[in-house]
Protein backbone atom coordinates (compact mmCIF):
# COMPACT_ATOMS: atom_id res chain seq x y z
CA MET A 1 193.89 -63.44 123.91
CA ASN A 2 190.81 -63.87 121.74
CA ASN A 3 187.93 -63.69 124.18
CA THR A 4 185.59 -65.52 121.82
CA ASN A 5 187.65 -68.67 122.41
CA ASN A 6 187.53 -68.29 126.17
CA PRO A 7 185.03 -70.81 127.64
CA ILE A 8 184.35 -68.58 130.63
CA THR A 9 183.59 -65.56 128.47
CA GLU A 10 181.44 -67.66 126.13
CA ALA A 11 179.51 -69.01 129.12
CA MET A 12 178.89 -65.53 130.46
CA LEU A 13 177.79 -64.17 127.08
CA SER A 14 175.57 -67.10 126.20
CA GLY A 15 174.15 -67.64 129.69
CA LYS A 16 175.26 -71.30 129.55
CA ILE A 17 176.76 -71.51 132.99
CA ARG A 18 177.50 -74.87 134.58
CA ASN A 19 175.54 -75.83 137.66
CA ARG A 20 177.24 -75.35 140.98
CA LYS A 21 177.67 -79.03 141.88
CA GLU A 22 179.44 -79.85 138.65
CA ALA A 23 181.81 -76.93 139.10
CA ASP A 24 182.45 -77.75 142.76
CA ASP A 25 183.22 -81.39 141.97
CA GLU A 26 185.88 -80.27 139.51
CA TRP A 27 187.24 -77.66 141.93
CA SER A 28 187.58 -80.04 144.89
CA SER A 29 189.21 -82.71 142.74
CA LEU A 30 191.91 -80.20 141.85
CA VAL A 31 192.65 -78.39 145.09
CA PHE A 32 192.09 -81.14 147.67
CA PRO A 33 191.46 -84.49 145.96
CA SER A 34 189.94 -87.07 148.30
CA ASP A 35 191.80 -89.96 146.66
CA TYR A 36 195.23 -88.36 146.96
CA THR A 37 197.98 -90.19 148.86
CA ASN A 38 200.78 -88.15 150.40
CA PRO A 39 204.26 -89.03 149.13
CA THR A 40 207.00 -90.61 151.21
CA PRO A 41 209.09 -87.77 152.66
CA GLN A 42 212.62 -87.29 151.40
CA LYS A 43 215.46 -87.57 153.89
CA LYS A 44 215.84 -83.78 154.00
CA TYR A 45 214.45 -80.88 152.03
CA HIS A 46 215.96 -77.55 151.14
CA MET A 47 212.61 -75.91 151.87
CA VAL A 48 209.35 -76.97 153.51
CA VAL A 49 206.47 -74.56 152.90
CA ILE A 50 203.45 -74.66 155.21
CA GLY A 51 200.44 -73.20 153.46
CA ALA A 52 199.53 -73.30 149.77
CA GLY A 53 198.01 -69.86 149.37
CA PRO A 54 199.54 -67.18 147.11
CA ALA A 55 202.65 -66.74 149.29
CA GLY A 56 203.32 -70.45 149.75
CA LEU A 57 202.69 -71.38 146.14
CA VAL A 58 205.05 -68.73 144.80
CA ALA A 59 207.76 -69.68 147.31
CA ALA A 60 207.44 -73.38 146.52
CA ILE A 61 207.39 -73.06 142.75
CA GLY A 62 210.22 -70.52 142.76
CA ALA A 63 212.47 -72.66 144.93
CA ALA A 64 211.72 -75.81 142.93
CA GLY A 65 212.53 -73.94 139.73
CA LEU A 66 215.99 -73.25 141.11
CA GLY A 67 216.55 -76.97 141.73
CA ALA A 68 215.71 -77.10 145.43
CA LYS A 69 214.02 -80.07 147.05
CA VAL A 70 210.68 -78.67 148.17
CA ALA A 71 207.75 -79.96 150.22
CA LEU A 72 204.44 -78.07 150.26
CA ILE A 73 201.81 -78.60 152.99
CA GLU A 74 198.15 -77.56 152.78
CA SER A 75 195.39 -78.34 155.27
CA LYS A 76 192.34 -76.96 153.42
CA ALA A 77 192.56 -76.28 149.69
CA MET A 78 195.37 -75.42 147.30
CA GLY A 79 195.25 -71.75 146.34
CA GLY A 80 194.36 -70.50 149.80
CA ASP A 81 191.68 -67.94 150.57
CA CYS A 82 192.36 -65.81 147.48
CA LEU A 83 191.34 -68.51 145.02
CA ASN A 84 188.76 -70.36 147.06
CA VAL A 85 186.86 -67.88 149.24
CA GLY A 86 188.47 -64.48 148.62
CA CYS A 87 189.66 -62.44 145.65
CA VAL A 88 188.48 -64.75 142.87
CA PRO A 89 184.91 -65.47 144.03
CA SER A 90 184.34 -61.89 145.20
CA LYS A 91 185.38 -60.40 141.85
CA ALA A 92 183.38 -63.04 140.00
CA LEU A 93 180.31 -62.16 142.06
CA LEU A 94 180.79 -58.44 141.41
CA ALA A 95 180.95 -59.14 137.67
CA SER A 96 177.96 -61.49 137.58
CA ALA A 97 175.93 -59.17 139.82
CA LYS A 98 176.30 -56.43 137.21
CA LYS A 99 174.92 -58.90 134.65
CA VAL A 100 171.94 -59.52 136.93
CA LYS A 101 171.35 -55.79 137.27
CA ALA A 102 171.42 -55.52 133.47
CA GLY A 103 168.92 -58.37 133.16
CA LYS A 104 171.36 -60.81 131.50
CA LEU A 105 171.51 -63.35 134.36
CA ASN A 106 169.41 -64.29 137.35
CA ALA A 107 170.74 -64.43 140.91
CA ILE A 108 171.19 -68.21 141.01
CA GLU A 109 173.18 -68.09 137.77
CA ALA A 110 175.31 -65.35 139.30
CA PHE A 111 176.33 -67.61 142.19
CA ASP A 112 176.81 -70.56 139.83
CA TRP A 113 179.13 -68.35 137.79
CA VAL A 114 181.27 -67.75 140.89
CA HIS A 115 181.73 -71.48 141.36
CA GLN A 116 182.50 -72.03 137.68
CA VAL A 117 185.19 -69.35 137.64
CA ARG A 118 186.79 -70.86 140.73
CA ALA A 119 186.80 -74.31 139.12
CA GLU A 120 188.36 -73.01 135.91
CA ILE A 121 191.15 -71.12 137.71
CA SER A 122 191.83 -73.98 140.15
CA HIS A 123 193.83 -75.81 137.48
CA HIS A 124 196.65 -73.31 138.02
CA ASP A 125 196.90 -74.16 141.73
CA SER A 126 196.08 -77.87 141.56
CA VAL A 127 197.84 -80.64 143.45
CA GLU A 128 198.59 -82.31 140.13
CA ARG A 129 200.31 -79.25 138.68
CA PHE A 130 202.61 -78.71 141.65
CA SER A 131 203.37 -82.39 142.03
CA GLY A 132 204.26 -82.42 138.35
CA MET A 133 206.87 -79.76 139.01
CA GLY A 134 208.72 -82.04 141.37
CA ILE A 135 207.26 -80.60 144.56
CA ASP A 136 206.21 -83.08 147.25
CA VAL A 137 202.66 -82.01 148.12
CA PHE A 138 201.32 -83.10 151.51
CA LEU A 139 197.63 -82.62 152.25
CA GLY A 140 196.86 -82.24 155.93
CA ALA A 141 197.63 -80.02 158.91
CA GLY A 142 201.31 -79.42 159.51
CA LYS A 143 202.80 -78.55 162.87
CA PHE A 144 206.29 -78.32 164.31
CA LYS A 145 207.75 -81.19 166.30
CA ASP A 146 210.93 -79.19 166.91
CA GLU A 147 212.85 -76.43 165.15
CA ASN A 148 214.02 -78.84 162.42
CA THR A 149 210.94 -81.02 161.92
CA VAL A 150 207.35 -80.56 160.77
CA VAL A 151 204.81 -83.35 161.15
CA VAL A 152 201.94 -84.00 158.71
CA GLY A 153 199.88 -87.00 159.73
CA ASN A 154 202.38 -89.81 160.21
CA ALA A 155 205.05 -88.14 158.08
CA GLU A 156 207.99 -86.19 159.51
CA LEU A 157 209.57 -83.59 157.24
CA LYS A 158 213.06 -82.26 157.93
CA SER A 159 214.46 -79.26 156.11
CA LYS A 160 217.22 -76.68 155.86
CA ALA A 161 214.58 -73.92 155.84
CA PHE A 162 210.89 -73.60 156.66
CA ILE A 163 208.45 -71.05 155.24
CA ILE A 164 205.26 -70.43 157.22
CA ALA A 165 202.57 -69.08 154.88
CA THR A 166 199.40 -70.20 156.60
CA GLY A 167 197.41 -67.05 155.88
CA SER A 168 194.48 -65.78 157.90
CA HIS A 169 190.80 -66.36 158.60
CA PRO A 170 187.81 -64.04 158.98
CA PHE A 171 187.49 -62.33 162.34
CA VAL A 172 183.97 -62.28 163.77
CA PRO A 173 183.63 -59.78 166.64
CA PRO A 174 182.26 -61.09 169.97
CA ILE A 175 178.82 -59.50 169.66
CA ASP A 176 176.13 -60.36 172.21
CA GLY A 177 173.81 -63.01 170.79
CA LEU A 178 176.35 -64.30 168.30
CA ASP A 179 175.81 -67.91 169.38
CA GLU A 180 172.07 -67.67 168.67
CA VAL A 181 172.26 -66.67 165.00
CA THR A 182 174.04 -67.60 161.78
CA VAL A 183 176.69 -65.10 160.73
CA HIS A 184 178.37 -65.64 157.38
CA THR A 185 181.92 -64.70 156.43
CA ASN A 186 183.72 -64.76 153.10
CA GLU A 187 184.24 -68.49 153.71
CA THR A 188 180.51 -69.24 153.46
CA ILE A 189 178.76 -66.32 151.73
CA PHE A 190 179.47 -67.59 148.21
CA ASP A 191 177.72 -70.88 149.00
CA LEU A 192 174.29 -69.35 149.65
CA PRO A 193 171.67 -71.58 147.95
CA THR A 194 169.36 -68.64 147.22
CA LEU A 195 169.58 -64.88 147.16
CA PRO A 196 168.62 -63.37 150.52
CA LYS A 197 165.87 -60.78 150.35
CA SER A 198 167.85 -58.69 152.83
CA ILE A 199 171.39 -58.74 154.20
CA GLY A 200 173.19 -56.89 156.98
CA ILE A 201 176.90 -56.40 156.38
CA LEU A 202 179.17 -55.65 159.34
CA GLY A 203 182.17 -53.60 158.28
CA GLY A 204 182.74 -50.86 155.73
CA GLY A 205 186.16 -51.96 154.55
CA PRO A 206 186.97 -53.27 151.05
CA ILE A 207 185.22 -56.64 151.52
CA GLY A 208 182.13 -55.10 153.10
CA CYS A 209 181.79 -52.43 150.41
CA GLU A 210 182.37 -54.86 147.54
CA MET A 211 179.78 -57.26 148.91
CA ALA A 212 177.32 -54.43 149.58
CA GLN A 213 177.58 -53.46 145.94
CA ALA A 214 177.26 -57.03 144.71
CA PHE A 215 174.19 -57.88 146.78
CA ALA A 216 172.54 -54.57 145.91
CA ASP A 217 173.05 -55.33 142.20
CA LEU A 218 171.71 -58.85 142.74
CA GLY A 219 168.54 -57.35 144.19
CA SER A 220 168.88 -57.76 147.96
CA GLU A 221 167.98 -55.05 150.44
CA VAL A 222 171.39 -54.18 151.89
CA HIS A 223 172.26 -52.60 155.23
CA LEU A 224 175.95 -51.70 155.69
CA PHE A 225 177.18 -51.01 159.24
CA GLU A 226 180.48 -49.21 159.89
CA MET A 227 181.76 -48.02 163.29
CA ALA A 228 183.68 -45.11 161.78
CA ASP A 229 182.11 -42.01 160.29
CA GLN A 230 183.19 -43.04 156.79
CA ILE A 231 183.66 -46.29 154.91
CA LEU A 232 187.08 -47.35 153.62
CA ILE A 233 188.95 -45.51 156.36
CA ARG A 234 192.37 -46.26 154.83
CA GLU A 235 191.45 -44.46 151.63
CA HIS A 236 191.42 -40.85 150.46
CA PRO A 237 188.34 -39.30 152.15
CA GLU A 238 186.99 -37.94 148.86
CA ALA A 239 187.44 -41.35 147.24
CA ALA A 240 185.58 -43.02 150.08
CA LYS A 241 182.79 -40.46 149.74
CA LEU A 242 182.40 -41.23 146.02
CA VAL A 243 182.04 -44.94 146.79
CA SER A 244 179.61 -44.19 149.59
CA ASP A 245 177.49 -42.08 147.24
CA SER A 246 177.57 -44.86 144.65
CA LEU A 247 176.39 -47.44 147.19
CA THR A 248 173.60 -45.14 148.36
CA LYS A 249 172.52 -44.62 144.76
CA ARG A 250 172.31 -48.40 144.42
CA GLY A 251 169.93 -48.48 147.37
CA VAL A 252 172.37 -49.58 150.07
CA ASN A 253 171.31 -48.35 153.50
CA MET A 254 174.44 -46.81 155.03
CA HIS A 255 174.70 -46.93 158.84
CA LEU A 256 177.88 -44.97 159.60
CA GLY A 257 179.17 -44.44 163.11
CA ALA A 258 177.01 -47.40 164.05
CA ALA A 259 178.49 -50.43 165.81
CA VAL A 260 176.29 -53.53 165.99
CA THR A 261 176.15 -54.49 169.66
CA GLN A 262 173.40 -57.12 169.76
CA LEU A 263 172.15 -59.93 167.52
CA ASN A 264 168.79 -61.58 168.08
CA LYS A 265 167.19 -64.41 166.21
CA SER A 266 163.91 -63.56 164.47
CA PRO A 267 161.33 -65.40 162.33
CA ILE A 268 162.89 -63.85 159.23
CA GLY A 269 166.52 -64.24 160.24
CA THR A 270 168.33 -61.81 162.54
CA ILE A 271 167.68 -58.49 164.25
CA LEU A 272 170.74 -56.26 164.45
CA GLN A 273 170.90 -53.64 167.17
CA ALA A 274 173.16 -50.64 166.50
CA GLY A 275 172.58 -47.82 168.95
CA SER A 276 168.94 -46.85 168.71
CA LYS A 277 168.58 -48.64 165.37
CA SER A 278 166.98 -52.06 165.18
CA ILE A 279 167.22 -53.65 161.73
CA GLU A 280 165.82 -57.05 160.77
CA VAL A 281 167.50 -58.95 157.92
CA GLU A 282 167.44 -62.44 156.49
CA THR A 283 171.23 -62.89 156.32
CA VAL A 284 174.23 -61.41 158.14
CA LEU A 285 177.76 -61.11 156.75
CA ALA A 286 180.74 -60.20 158.96
CA ALA A 287 183.46 -58.36 157.06
CA VAL A 288 185.33 -56.59 159.85
CA GLY A 289 188.84 -57.94 159.44
CA ARG A 290 191.02 -61.04 159.54
CA ALA A 291 193.10 -62.95 162.08
CA ALA A 292 196.36 -64.77 161.39
CA ASN A 293 196.47 -68.59 161.30
CA PHE A 294 199.35 -69.47 163.62
CA ARG A 295 197.98 -70.91 166.85
CA LYS A 296 197.79 -74.54 165.69
CA LEU A 297 201.35 -74.79 164.38
CA ASN A 298 202.92 -75.72 167.74
CA LEU A 299 205.40 -72.89 167.27
CA GLU A 300 206.49 -73.16 170.91
CA ALA A 301 208.15 -76.48 170.09
CA ALA A 302 210.19 -74.76 167.38
CA GLY A 303 211.08 -71.76 169.52
CA VAL A 304 209.32 -69.31 167.18
CA ALA A 305 208.22 -66.07 168.83
CA THR A 306 204.73 -64.71 168.27
CA HIS A 307 202.64 -61.74 169.31
CA GLN A 308 198.91 -61.25 169.72
CA ARG A 309 198.24 -60.76 166.01
CA GLY A 310 200.70 -63.17 164.39
CA ILE A 311 204.26 -64.35 164.01
CA THR A 312 207.12 -61.97 164.83
CA VAL A 313 209.51 -61.43 161.90
CA ASP A 314 212.30 -59.03 160.98
CA LYS A 315 212.33 -57.02 157.76
CA HIS A 316 213.77 -60.01 155.93
CA TYR A 317 210.88 -62.27 157.09
CA ARG A 318 213.03 -64.26 159.54
CA THR A 319 211.42 -65.42 162.76
CA SER A 320 213.28 -65.80 166.04
CA GLN A 321 214.65 -69.00 164.48
CA LYS A 322 216.83 -67.77 161.61
CA HIS A 323 216.05 -70.73 159.35
CA ILE A 324 212.29 -70.37 159.82
CA PHE A 325 210.54 -67.62 157.88
CA ALA A 326 206.96 -66.30 157.89
CA ILE A 327 205.32 -64.45 154.99
CA GLY A 328 201.86 -63.32 153.95
CA ASP A 329 198.87 -62.70 156.20
CA VAL A 330 200.33 -64.71 159.08
CA SER A 331 202.98 -62.05 159.75
CA THR A 332 201.95 -58.77 158.10
CA PRO A 333 199.08 -56.29 158.51
CA TYR A 334 199.10 -55.69 154.74
CA GLN A 335 196.92 -58.59 153.69
CA PHE A 336 197.07 -58.37 149.90
CA THR A 337 197.82 -61.13 147.42
CA ASN A 338 200.39 -59.04 145.53
CA HIS A 339 202.20 -58.33 148.81
CA ALA A 340 202.30 -62.05 149.61
CA ASP A 341 203.73 -62.67 146.14
CA ALA A 342 206.45 -60.04 146.62
CA GLN A 343 207.43 -61.44 150.02
CA ALA A 344 207.59 -64.96 148.62
CA ARG A 345 209.98 -63.92 145.85
CA ALA A 346 212.24 -62.22 148.38
CA VAL A 347 212.18 -65.05 150.91
CA ILE A 348 213.44 -67.61 148.37
CA GLN A 349 216.83 -65.88 148.31
CA ASN A 350 216.92 -65.41 152.07
CA ALA A 351 216.04 -69.05 152.77
CA LEU A 352 218.20 -70.80 150.16
CA PHE A 353 221.14 -68.46 149.65
CA PRO A 354 223.03 -65.78 151.58
CA GLY A 355 220.75 -62.80 151.26
CA ASN A 356 218.70 -60.12 152.93
CA SER A 357 216.00 -59.40 150.39
CA SER A 358 212.87 -57.52 151.39
CA PHE A 359 210.04 -55.50 149.89
CA ASP A 360 209.44 -51.78 150.32
CA ILE A 361 205.85 -51.47 151.50
CA GLN A 362 205.59 -48.01 149.94
CA LYS A 363 205.71 -49.73 146.54
CA LEU A 364 202.61 -51.81 147.30
CA PRO A 365 199.56 -50.91 145.19
CA TRP A 366 196.07 -52.00 146.14
CA CYS A 367 192.60 -51.67 144.71
CA THR A 368 189.04 -51.86 146.03
CA TYR A 369 186.84 -53.12 143.20
CA THR A 370 183.74 -51.12 143.90
CA ASP A 371 182.05 -48.86 141.38
CA PRO A 372 183.98 -46.59 141.15
CA GLU A 373 187.19 -48.48 141.84
CA ILE A 374 189.76 -47.01 144.24
CA ALA A 375 193.45 -47.74 143.64
CA HIS A 376 196.29 -46.45 145.80
CA ILE A 377 200.04 -46.70 146.11
CA GLY A 378 202.63 -45.14 148.37
CA LEU A 379 202.15 -42.45 150.98
CA SER A 380 198.71 -40.99 151.57
CA LYS A 381 198.05 -37.33 152.29
CA GLN A 382 196.81 -38.27 155.75
CA GLN A 383 200.03 -40.13 156.58
CA ALA A 384 202.19 -37.40 155.06
CA ASP A 385 200.45 -34.80 157.24
CA LYS A 386 200.87 -37.02 160.29
CA ASP A 387 204.57 -37.54 159.57
CA GLY A 388 205.16 -33.85 158.87
CA VAL A 389 206.15 -34.50 155.25
CA GLU A 390 205.79 -31.44 153.01
CA TYR A 391 204.36 -32.28 149.60
CA ASP A 392 202.86 -30.91 146.40
CA THR A 393 199.62 -32.23 144.95
CA TYR A 394 198.88 -32.81 141.26
CA ARG A 395 195.39 -33.79 140.25
CA TYR A 396 193.36 -34.59 137.16
CA ASP A 397 189.58 -35.04 137.30
CA TRP A 398 187.93 -37.47 134.90
CA LYS A 399 185.28 -34.86 134.12
CA ASP A 400 188.03 -33.09 132.17
CA SER A 401 188.88 -36.22 130.16
CA ASP A 402 187.56 -36.35 126.59
CA ARG A 403 187.31 -40.14 126.81
CA ALA A 404 185.39 -39.99 130.09
CA GLN A 405 183.05 -37.34 128.72
CA SER A 406 182.40 -39.30 125.53
CA GLU A 407 181.41 -42.33 127.63
CA ASP A 408 179.51 -40.25 130.20
CA ASP A 409 181.66 -41.83 132.89
CA ARG A 410 183.14 -38.80 134.63
CA ILE A 411 183.21 -39.80 138.30
CA GLY A 412 186.58 -39.78 140.03
CA PHE A 413 190.08 -38.42 139.67
CA ALA A 414 193.80 -39.20 139.57
CA GLU A 415 195.90 -37.54 142.23
CA VAL A 416 199.64 -37.70 142.86
CA ILE A 417 201.68 -36.25 145.71
CA THR A 418 205.40 -35.48 145.40
CA PRO A 419 207.98 -34.13 147.84
CA LYS A 420 207.81 -30.34 147.97
CA GLY A 421 209.49 -28.96 144.85
CA SER A 422 210.19 -32.42 143.38
CA ASP A 423 208.57 -34.43 140.60
CA LYS A 424 209.24 -37.84 142.18
CA ILE A 425 206.13 -39.74 143.25
CA LEU A 426 205.47 -40.19 146.97
CA GLY A 427 201.98 -41.60 146.61
CA ALA A 428 198.98 -41.71 144.33
CA THR A 429 195.25 -42.37 144.39
CA ILE A 430 193.03 -43.06 141.40
CA VAL A 431 189.26 -43.26 141.62
CA GLY A 432 187.14 -44.31 138.67
CA THR A 433 186.67 -46.92 135.98
CA ASP A 434 189.55 -49.42 135.83
CA ALA A 435 191.50 -47.57 138.53
CA GLY A 436 193.31 -50.81 139.38
CA ASP A 437 194.68 -50.89 135.83
CA GLN A 438 195.19 -47.15 135.50
CA ILE A 439 197.52 -47.02 138.50
CA ALA A 440 200.00 -49.45 136.93
CA PRO A 441 202.16 -46.75 135.26
CA LEU A 442 202.37 -44.85 138.56
CA SER A 443 203.42 -48.08 140.29
CA ILE A 444 206.26 -48.42 137.79
CA MET A 445 207.24 -44.78 138.21
CA LEU A 446 207.32 -45.00 142.01
CA SER A 447 209.33 -48.23 141.90
CA THR A 448 211.89 -46.93 139.41
CA GLY A 449 212.14 -43.36 140.67
CA THR A 450 210.72 -41.93 137.46
CA GLY A 451 209.36 -38.41 137.87
CA LEU A 452 206.48 -36.49 136.33
CA LYS A 453 208.82 -34.42 134.20
CA ASP A 454 210.09 -37.62 132.57
CA LEU A 455 206.65 -38.00 130.98
CA SER A 456 206.86 -34.71 129.10
CA GLY A 457 207.97 -36.35 125.84
CA THR A 458 205.65 -39.36 126.10
CA LEU A 459 202.57 -39.67 123.90
CA PHE A 460 199.38 -41.49 124.83
CA CYS A 461 196.48 -42.69 122.74
CA TYR A 462 193.72 -40.16 122.19
CA PRO A 463 191.10 -40.27 123.50
CA SER A 464 192.06 -42.47 126.43
CA ARG A 465 192.11 -42.28 130.19
CA SER A 466 195.86 -42.81 130.11
CA GLU A 467 196.17 -39.16 129.07
CA TYR A 468 195.91 -38.33 132.77
CA LEU A 469 199.66 -39.01 132.94
CA LYS A 470 200.35 -36.28 130.40
CA ARG A 471 198.09 -33.86 132.26
CA LEU A 472 199.86 -34.51 135.56
CA SER A 473 203.20 -33.97 133.85
CA ASP A 474 201.92 -30.71 132.35
CA ALA A 475 200.74 -29.59 135.79
CA PHE A 476 204.21 -30.16 137.20
CA SER A 477 205.85 -28.32 134.29
CA LYS A 478 203.70 -25.27 134.97
CA THR A 479 205.12 -25.05 138.47
CA ARG A 480 208.60 -24.66 136.94
CA LEU A 481 207.45 -21.47 135.23
CA THR A 482 208.56 -19.15 138.05
CA PRO A 483 208.15 -15.36 137.71
CA SER A 484 211.83 -14.96 136.84
CA VAL A 485 211.68 -17.68 134.18
CA ALA A 486 208.48 -16.19 132.77
CA LYS A 487 210.08 -12.75 132.65
CA ALA A 488 213.15 -14.10 130.84
CA MET A 489 211.01 -15.93 128.31
CA LYS A 490 208.91 -12.82 127.67
CA PHE A 491 212.07 -10.80 127.18
CA TRP A 492 213.32 -13.30 124.58
CA LEU A 493 210.02 -13.45 122.73
CA ASP A 494 209.68 -9.70 122.62
CA LYS A 495 213.22 -9.45 121.30
CA THR A 496 212.50 -11.86 118.42
CA LEU A 497 209.56 -9.85 117.05
């Protein structure tokens, strides 16, 4: 695609960014139009999908493409959290914050940019688009009347199969004083009218770290609180340390091993108490986790079993009612958009045809979009050690990359683990520039069973970061050079002289 013809890119480069109200008017007219009238329900559908986030949208559009009669229900906004208050606005803010740091935008323009990006992308998830594909879109809260009927307003929808894809919402811990202060979540933080002079962020997971970086680049004084002794506890410890160092270099005040136990209102905003520390900030953001949206669906009437954290499903996404399925955040601890997409593609077969499709969680890649980025797939070293899995490690540091050295961007590494003595990939972590893109070949290799030795005859552009694949392959090949093989080769070479 020619970026010079991209209106978003042109706006960013020229600084001509639409004001927030204009962008929000367009966005709301697409994802939850106020003048929309729900259609008359058909006598019976093949599939009724509750929730129009990534999982629900993929399930609905996939089923409709196969000729199924599909109804799609959404109570908030088409596109779900990812488009409206999650992945899209957070990545847009990270990008625009870097422009602010470079002096190319101001903070207000950075937030306006977030709203413009959301408006532009909303066309893909709009009510009009999905209605145009023959899907009956119902705006409003859906809940079960019985195991064969879902009610939306005055409409009753009956179906052969139901897909629950209602997602999740931010979890705010029950901290003393919570009722006295304003605590933002990802649902409200992107609507700030002005840049806070200071912000306290609760939680050192991906969302907390990304927002700490963004607000530091925007110019806020940032305090990041994490109960554990390191941020990003699911990641490679060295990777987490590199991100922590990067945040500290940006001026983020890191409070590790510090749980906020008290919130008090102050003239400036809020005082956060964490152990012996007392920190006063203008704004507070909670980024400590998410909770599944399932308690308002009247699942008891449908006989659908639940547990404390969500809906109970088997490995094929079936609930206790075999014609009712649950996918995405509402039923899995792996709350990633690409995982929701994979589940949705599998559930179409299970719901409409005889099938038992599922997704292998070890094939799920994820990325935290900090600077440096951290991307991971498969088994981690920590989990392998816990499970007693013996493995070999192959690593390439960016400081050894000609491309990285030429750009003076040497932070990070690519690391792969394989079963002991094998070249097949068990897991991988990449830390550095564009790690989320760089891990794509390893994702393909893990999914297809391709090994490091299979890369021996592959060429990569020079100089490029993709050469790390060749270096990992070379490292594996060196392990094949056992003393006996080396002795035999030396014998042959000496003989040929």
